[in-house]
């Protein structure tokens, strides 16, 4: 069994998938942060706070000398954090408002190692084509929107609605790989190491 190099404070399968793609061995722990926006809290402040709470809760739940990673990703339209849909009507309202418009996706990353704490955030802009009521209903039936911020998944059928993306695909998916790798370097973890000489000399067939 591979020894983990970090702790992931998240139950998100998308974040687990992205860390695995980065080649990182990790141990995941589920945490419950306060994901209710506070009065007067700006969307940027909100995602930073929730990501920081997740990494802190992960650190408390899993005492270790390993770095603990927390993240939060939110869809924002007209200054409003959308969160995850609680019902079909909620998802229909979200997707109806996103239809034919550009929105922001904020994805914050928090990394703790002992008393050290690093944070970063990625901002992406996503433009939706116009979505019909029938498409929204059909999309809901697939089950994909249920646990997704903004009621869509860029890595799934939700991609059918996206006319343009400016920013980070992985950030919209749930974990901005570029920013995450930079924070890990701060903690002494190199995501992509220089290969040994034989591999470096290997040529494509």
C-alpha atoms as a PDB file:
ATOM      1  CA  UNK A   1       0.000   0.000   0.000  1.00  0.00           C
ATOM      2  CA  UNK A   2       1.373   3.406  -1.006  1.00  0.00           C
ATOM      3  CA  UNK A   3       2.149   5.740   1.885  1.00  0.00           C
ATOM      4  CA  UNK A   4       0.083   8.945   1.522  1.00  0.00           C
ATOM      5  CA  UNK A   5       1.942  12.211   1.010  1.00  0.00           C
ATOM      6  CA  UNK A   6      -1.020  14.455   1.912  1.00  0.00           C
ATOM      7  CA  UNK A   7      -4.416  14.375   3.632  1.00  0.00           C
ATOM      8  CA  UNK A   8      -7.403  15.492   1.554  1.00  0.00           C
ATOM      9  CA  UNK A   9     -10.110  17.045   3.735  1.00  0.00           C
ATOM     10  CA  UNK A  10     -12.943  16.287   1.325  1.00  0.00           C
ATOM     11  CA  UNK A  11     -15.359  13.537   0.350  1.00  0.00           C
ATOM     12  CA  UNK A  12     -15.593  14.892  -3.214  1.00  0.00           C
ATOM     13  CA  UNK A  13     -14.912  12.193  -5.831  1.00  0.00           C
ATOM     14  CA  UNK A  14     -13.912  14.954  -8.278  1.00  0.00           C
ATOM     15  CA  UNK A  15     -11.123  16.183  -5.991  1.00  0.00           C
ATOM     16  CA  UNK A  16      -9.958  12.644  -5.401  1.00  0.00           C
ATOM     17  CA  UNK A  17      -9.861  12.056  -9.154  1.00  0.00           C
ATOM     18  CA  UNK A  18      -7.843  15.223  -9.798  1.00  0.00           C
ATOM     19  CA  UNK A  19      -5.302  14.435  -7.058  1.00  0.00           C
ATOM     20  CA  UNK A  20      -4.918  10.943  -8.486  1.00  0.00           C
ATOM     21  CA  UNK A  21      -4.331  12.439 -11.937  1.00  0.00           C
ATOM     22  CA  UNK A  22      -1.577  14.546 -10.390  1.00  0.00           C
ATOM     23  CA  UNK A  23       0.077  11.328  -9.249  1.00  0.00           C
ATOM     24  CA  UNK A  24      -0.332  12.106  -5.544  1.00  0.00           C
ATOM     25  CA  UNK A  25      -0.826   9.439  -2.918  1.00  0.00           C
ATOM     26  CA  UNK A  26      -3.343  10.731  -0.407  1.00  0.00           C
ATOM     27  CA  UNK A  27      -5.676   9.800   2.403  1.00  0.00           C
ATOM     28  CA  UNK A  28      -9.163  11.329   2.273  1.00  0.00           C
ATOM     29  CA  UNK A  29     -11.122  12.358   5.347  1.00  0.00           C
ATOM     30  CA  UNK A  30     -14.681  13.697   5.242  1.00  0.00           C
ATOM     31  CA  UNK A  31     -15.310  17.003   7.056  1.00  0.00           C
ATOM     32  CA  UNK A  32     -18.359  19.222   7.571  1.00  0.00           C
ATOM     33  CA  UNK A  33     -17.559  22.937   7.300  1.00  0.00           C
ATOM     34  CA  UNK A  34     -20.008  25.809   7.754  1.00  0.00           C
ATOM     35  CA  UNK A  35     -21.145  26.313   4.160  1.00  0.00           C
ATOM     36  CA  UNK A  36     -23.735  29.000   4.860  1.00  0.00           C
ATOM     37  CA  UNK A  37     -22.645  32.454   3.622  1.00  0.00           C
ATOM     38  CA  UNK A  38     -22.472  34.981   6.435  1.00  0.00           C
ATOM     39  CA  UNK A  39     -24.121  38.377   6.329  1.00  0.00           C
ATOM     40  CA  UNK A  40     -21.971  40.806   4.359  1.00  0.00           C
ATOM     41  CA  UNK A  41     -19.509  38.083   3.335  1.00  0.00           C
ATOM     42  CA  UNK A  42     -18.282  38.523  -0.240  1.00  0.00           C
ATOM     43  CA  UNK A  43     -18.103  35.414  -2.468  1.00  0.00           C
ATOM     44  CA  UNK A  44     -14.271  35.518  -2.447  1.00  0.00           C
ATOM     45  CA  UNK A  45     -14.232  35.722   1.352  1.00  0.00           C
ATOM     46  CA  UNK A  46     -16.724  32.887   1.555  1.00  0.00           C
ATOM     47  CA  UNK A  47     -14.750  30.383  -0.551  1.00  0.00           C
ATOM     48  CA  UNK A  48     -11.489  31.255   1.221  1.00  0.00           C
ATOM     49  CA  UNK A  49     -13.164  30.759   4.613  1.00  0.00           C
ATOM     50  CA  UNK A  50     -14.823  27.448   3.754  1.00  0.00           C
ATOM     51  CA  UNK A  51     -11.624  26.017   2.231  1.00  0.00           C
ATOM     52  CA  UNK A  52      -9.651  27.115   5.320  1.00  0.00           C
ATOM     53  CA  UNK A  53     -12.240  25.570   7.648  1.00  0.00           C
ATOM     54  CA  UNK A  54     -12.061  22.296   5.750  1.00  0.00           C
ATOM     55  CA  UNK A  55      -8.279  22.052   5.997  1.00  0.00           C
ATOM     56  CA  UNK A  56      -8.403  22.940   9.711  1.00  0.00           C
ATOM     57  CA  UNK A  57     -11.108  20.357  10.395  1.00  0.00           C
ATOM     58  CA  UNK A  58      -9.082  17.806   8.450  1.00  0.00           C
ATOM     59  CA  UNK A  59      -6.043  18.621  10.545  1.00  0.00           C
ATOM     60  CA  UNK A  60      -8.039  18.170  13.766  1.00  0.00           C
ATOM     61  CA  UNK A  61      -9.708  14.964  12.581  1.00  0.00           C
ATOM     62  CA  UNK A  62      -6.501  13.351  11.387  1.00  0.00           C
ATOM     63  CA  UNK A  63      -3.510  14.370  13.553  1.00  0.00           C
ATOM     64  CA  UNK A  64      -0.492  13.893  11.322  1.00  0.00           C
ATOM     65  CA  UNK A  65       2.728  15.478  10.168  1.00  0.00           C
ATOM     66  CA  UNK A  66       1.431  15.373   6.599  1.00  0.00           C
ATOM     67  CA  UNK A  67       0.073  18.471   4.801  1.00  0.00           C
ATOM     68  CA  UNK A  68      -3.727  18.758   4.904  1.00  0.00           C
ATOM     69  CA  UNK A  69      -5.544  20.063   1.834  1.00  0.00           C
ATOM     70  CA  UNK A  70      -8.992  21.651   1.824  1.00  0.00           C
ATOM     71  CA  UNK A  71     -10.861  23.244  -1.082  1.00  0.00           C
ATOM     72  CA  UNK A  72     -14.138  24.929  -1.923  1.00  0.00           C
ATOM     73  CA  UNK A  73     -15.648  25.663  -5.332  1.00  0.00           C
ATOM     74  CA  UNK A  74     -18.669  27.886  -5.879  1.00  0.00           C
ATOM     75  CA  UNK A  75     -20.674  29.227  -8.791  1.00  0.00           C
ATOM     76  CA  UNK A  76     -21.315  32.974  -8.524  1.00  0.00           C
ATOM     77  CA  UNK A  77     -23.813  35.027 -10.522  1.00  0.00           C
ATOM     78  CA  UNK A  78     -24.561  38.688  -9.856  1.00  0.00           C
ATOM     79  CA  UNK A  79     -22.612  38.453  -6.597  1.00  0.00           C
ATOM     80  CA  UNK A  80     -24.704  35.509  -5.322  1.00  0.00           C
ATOM     81  CA  UNK A  81     -23.150  32.189  -4.292  1.00  0.00           C
ATOM     82  CA  UNK A  82     -25.341  29.445  -5.734  1.00  0.00           C
ATOM     83  CA  UNK A  83     -24.267  26.397  -3.735  1.00  0.00           C
ATOM     84  CA  UNK A  84     -25.750  22.962  -4.479  1.00  0.00           C
ATOM     85  CA  UNK A  85     -29.395  22.445  -5.440  1.00  0.00           C
ATOM     86  CA  UNK A  86     -31.714  21.163  -2.734  1.00  0.00           C
ATOM     87  CA  UNK A  87     -34.485  20.101  -5.120  1.00  0.00           C
ATOM     88  CA  UNK A  88     -35.466  20.033  -8.775  1.00  0.00           C
ATOM     89  CA  UNK A  89     -37.112  23.447  -8.472  1.00  0.00           C
ATOM     90  CA  UNK A  90     -33.914  24.827  -6.966  1.00  0.00           C
ATOM     91  CA  UNK A  91     -31.789  23.357  -9.768  1.00  0.00           C
ATOM     92  CA  UNK A  92     -34.241  24.598 -12.399  1.00  0.00           C
ATOM     93  CA  UNK A  93     -33.981  28.099 -10.969  1.00  0.00           C
ATOM     94  CA  UNK A  94     -30.173  27.971 -10.962  1.00  0.00           C
ATOM     95  CA  UNK A  95     -29.811  26.643 -14.483  1.00  0.00           C
ATOM     96  CA  UNK A  96     -32.506  28.985 -15.757  1.00  0.00           C
ATOM     97  CA  UNK A  97     -30.595  31.952 -14.397  1.00  0.00           C
ATOM     98  CA  UNK A  98     -27.283  30.686 -15.809  1.00  0.00           C
ATOM     99  CA  UNK A  99     -28.854  30.113 -19.229  1.00  0.00           C
ATOM    100  CA  UNK A 100     -27.466  32.425 -21.900  1.00  0.00           C
ATOM    101  CA  UNK A 101     -25.196  34.252 -19.458  1.00  0.00           C
ATOM    102  CA  UNK A 102     -21.641  34.347 -18.152  1.00  0.00           C
ATOM    103  CA  UNK A 103     -20.979  33.445 -14.521  1.00  0.00           C
ATOM    104  CA  UNK A 104     -17.919  33.084 -12.312  1.00  0.00           C
ATOM    105  CA  UNK A 105     -16.561  29.976 -10.661  1.00  0.00           C
ATOM    106  CA  UNK A 106     -14.380  30.596  -7.613  1.00  0.00           C
ATOM    107  CA  UNK A 107     -12.209  27.708  -6.443  1.00  0.00           C
ATOM    108  CA  UNK A 108     -10.165  28.235  -3.272  1.00  0.00           C
ATOM    109  CA  UNK A 109      -7.448  25.923  -1.961  1.00  0.00           C
ATOM    110  CA  UNK A 110      -6.139  25.807   1.605  1.00  0.00           C
ATOM    111  CA  UNK A 111      -3.066  23.839   2.683  1.00  0.00           C
ATOM    112  CA  UNK A 112      -1.880  23.394   6.261  1.00  0.00           C
ATOM    113  CA  UNK A 113       1.317  21.864   7.565  1.00  0.00           C
ATOM    114  CA  UNK A 114       1.696  22.232  11.308  1.00  0.00           C
ATOM    115  CA  UNK A 115       1.223  25.930  12.059  1.00  0.00           C
ATOM    116  CA  UNK A 116       1.898  26.940   8.447  1.00  0.00           C
ATOM    117  CA  UNK A 117      -1.076  27.884   6.273  1.00  0.00           C
ATOM    118  CA  UNK A 118      -1.122  28.678   2.567  1.00  0.00           C
ATOM    119  CA  UNK A 119      -4.094  29.706   0.434  1.00  0.00           C
ATOM    120  CA  UNK A 120      -4.787  30.382  -3.231  1.00  0.00           C
ATOM    121  CA  UNK A 121      -7.824  30.957  -5.395  1.00  0.00           C
ATOM    122  CA  UNK A 122      -8.677  30.500  -9.047  1.00  0.00           C
ATOM    123  CA  UNK A 123     -11.349  32.549 -10.801  1.00  0.00           C
ATOM    124  CA  UNK A 124     -12.853  31.196 -14.014  1.00  0.00           C
ATOM    125  CA  UNK A 125     -15.547  32.641 -16.249  1.00  0.00           C
ATOM    126  CA  UNK A 126     -18.054  30.282 -17.820  1.00  0.00           C
ATOM    127  CA  UNK A 127     -20.575  31.226 -20.508  1.00  0.00           C
ATOM    128  CA  UNK A 128     -23.702  29.128 -20.987  1.00  0.00           C
ATOM    129  CA  UNK A 129     -25.701  28.904 -24.168  1.00  0.00           C
ATOM    130  CA  UNK A 130     -29.448  29.287 -23.845  1.00  0.00           C
ATOM    131  CA  UNK A 131     -30.905  26.165 -22.191  1.00  0.00           C
ATOM    132  CA  UNK A 132     -34.488  25.084 -22.735  1.00  0.00           C
ATOM    133  CA  UNK A 133     -36.851  24.018 -19.958  1.00  0.00           C
ATOM    134  CA  UNK A 134     -36.988  20.528 -21.462  1.00  0.00           C
ATOM    135  CA  UNK A 135     -33.184  20.257 -21.369  1.00  0.00           C
ATOM    136  CA  UNK A 136     -33.101  21.320 -17.727  1.00  0.00           C
ATOM    137  CA  UNK A 137     -35.679  18.664 -16.834  1.00  0.00           C
ATOM    138  CA  UNK A 138     -33.827  15.981 -18.804  1.00  0.00           C
ATOM    139  CA  UNK A 139     -30.524  16.973 -17.201  1.00  0.00           C
ATOM    140  CA  UNK A 140     -32.010  16.730 -13.717  1.00  0.00           C
ATOM    141  CA  UNK A 141     -33.258  13.199 -14.424  1.00  0.00           C
ATOM    142  CA  UNK A 142     -29.655  12.066 -15.071  1.00  0.00           C
ATOM    143  CA  UNK A 143     -28.859  12.791 -11.409  1.00  0.00           C
ATOM    144  CA  UNK A 144     -25.728  14.729 -12.316  1.00  0.00           C
ATOM    145  CA  UNK A 145     -26.776  18.166 -10.952  1.00  0.00           C
ATOM    146  CA  UNK A 146     -27.688  16.940  -7.461  1.00  0.00           C
ATOM    147  CA  UNK A 147     -24.387  17.441  -5.622  1.00  0.00           C
ATOM    148  CA  UNK A 148     -22.777  20.039  -7.889  1.00  0.00           C
ATOM    149  CA  UNK A 149     -22.278  23.739  -7.222  1.00  0.00           C
ATOM    150  CA  UNK A 150     -24.502  25.629  -9.617  1.00  0.00           C
ATOM    151  CA  UNK A 151     -26.303  22.371 -10.493  1.00  0.00           C
ATOM    152  CA  UNK A 152     -23.928  21.333 -13.302  1.00  0.00           C
ATOM    153  CA  UNK A 153     -20.733  19.380 -13.890  1.00  0.00           C
ATOM    154  CA  UNK A 154     -18.248  20.646 -16.474  1.00  0.00           C
ATOM    155  CA  UNK A 155     -16.674  17.168 -16.683  1.00  0.00           C
ATOM    156  CA  UNK A 156     -20.033  15.554 -17.419  1.00  0.00           C
ATOM    157  CA  UNK A 157     -23.168  16.262 -19.419  1.00  0.00           C
ATOM    158  CA  UNK A 158     -23.084  19.844 -18.146  1.00  0.00           C
ATOM    159  CA  UNK A 159     -20.408  20.475 -20.771  1.00  0.00           C
ATOM    160  CA  UNK A 160     -23.231  20.477 -23.327  1.00  0.00           C
ATOM    161  CA  UNK A 161     -24.323  23.872 -21.991  1.00  0.00           C
ATOM    162  CA  UNK A 162     -20.905  25.564 -21.934  1.00  0.00           C
ATOM    163  CA  UNK A 163     -20.254  27.856 -24.888  1.00  0.00           C
ATOM    164  CA  UNK A 164     -16.994  29.305 -23.547  1.00  0.00           C
ATOM    165  CA  UNK A 165     -14.596  28.808 -20.646  1.00  0.00           C
ATOM    166  CA  UNK A 166     -12.023  31.373 -19.596  1.00  0.00           C
ATOM    167  CA  UNK A 167      -9.883  30.004 -16.802  1.00  0.00           C
ATOM    168  CA  UNK A 168      -9.271  26.573 -15.306  1.00  0.00           C
ATOM    169  CA  UNK A 169     -11.172  23.427 -16.277  1.00  0.00           C
ATOM    170  CA  UNK A 170      -9.942  21.658 -13.125  1.00  0.00           C
ATOM    171  CA  UNK A 171     -10.898  24.699 -11.051  1.00  0.00           C
ATOM    172  CA  UNK A 172     -14.472  24.550 -12.300  1.00  0.00           C
ATOM    173  CA  UNK A 173     -14.424  20.802 -11.727  1.00  0.00           C
ATOM    174  CA  UNK A 174     -13.533  21.338  -8.069  1.00  0.00           C
ATOM    175  CA  UNK A 175      -9.763  21.617  -7.549  1.00  0.00           C
ATOM    176  CA  UNK A 176      -7.525  24.024  -9.514  1.00  0.00           C
ATOM    177  CA  UNK A 177      -4.508  21.873 -10.304  1.00  0.00           C
ATOM    178  CA  UNK A 178      -2.100  24.765 -11.009  1.00  0.00           C
ATOM    179  CA  UNK A 179      -2.779  26.533  -7.717  1.00  0.00           C
ATOM    180  CA  UNK A 180      -2.812  23.266  -5.779  1.00  0.00           C
ATOM    181  CA  UNK A 181       0.595  22.258  -7.138  1.00  0.00           C
ATOM    182  CA  UNK A 182       2.022  25.665  -6.220  1.00  0.00           C
ATOM    183  CA  UNK A 183       0.820  25.331  -2.623  1.00  0.00           C
ATOM    184  CA  UNK A 184       2.202  21.811  -2.376  1.00  0.00           C
ATOM    185  CA  UNK A 185       5.601  23.110  -3.464  1.00  0.00           C
ATOM    186  CA  UNK A 186       5.430  25.573  -0.570  1.00  0.00           C
ATOM    187  CA  UNK A 187       5.043  22.562   1.714  1.00  0.00           C
ATOM    188  CA  UNK A 188       7.988  20.780   0.096  1.00  0.00           C
ATOM    189  CA  UNK A 189       6.024  18.414  -2.160  1.00  0.00           C
ATOM    190  CA  UNK A 190       6.992  18.409  -5.825  1.00  0.00           C
ATOM    191  CA  UNK A 191       4.107  17.092  -7.893  1.00  0.00           C
ATOM    192  CA  UNK A 192       6.164  16.413 -11.016  1.00  0.00           C
ATOM    193  CA  UNK A 193       9.729  15.306 -10.392  1.00  0.00           C
ATOM    194  CA  UNK A 194      12.549  15.190 -12.967  1.00  0.00           C
ATOM    195  CA  UNK A 195      12.638  11.606 -14.280  1.00  0.00           C
ATOM    196  CA  UNK A 196      15.819   9.492 -14.084  1.00  0.00           C
ATOM    197  CA  UNK A 197      18.144   9.507 -17.068  1.00  0.00           C
ATOM    198  CA  UNK A 198      16.846   6.342 -18.837  1.00  0.00           C
ATOM    199  CA  UNK A 199      13.258   7.628 -18.819  1.00  0.00           C
ATOM    200  CA  UNK A 200      14.403  11.076 -19.913  1.00  0.00           C
ATOM    201  CA  UNK A 201      16.052   9.535 -22.974  1.00  0.00           C
ATOM    202  CA  UNK A 202      12.960   7.541 -23.928  1.00  0.00           C
ATOM    203  CA  UNK A 203      11.430   8.516 -27.271  1.00  0.00           C
ATOM    204  CA  UNK A 204       7.882   8.259 -28.474  1.00  0.00           C
ATOM    205  CA  UNK A 205       7.386   5.356 -30.937  1.00  0.00           C
END
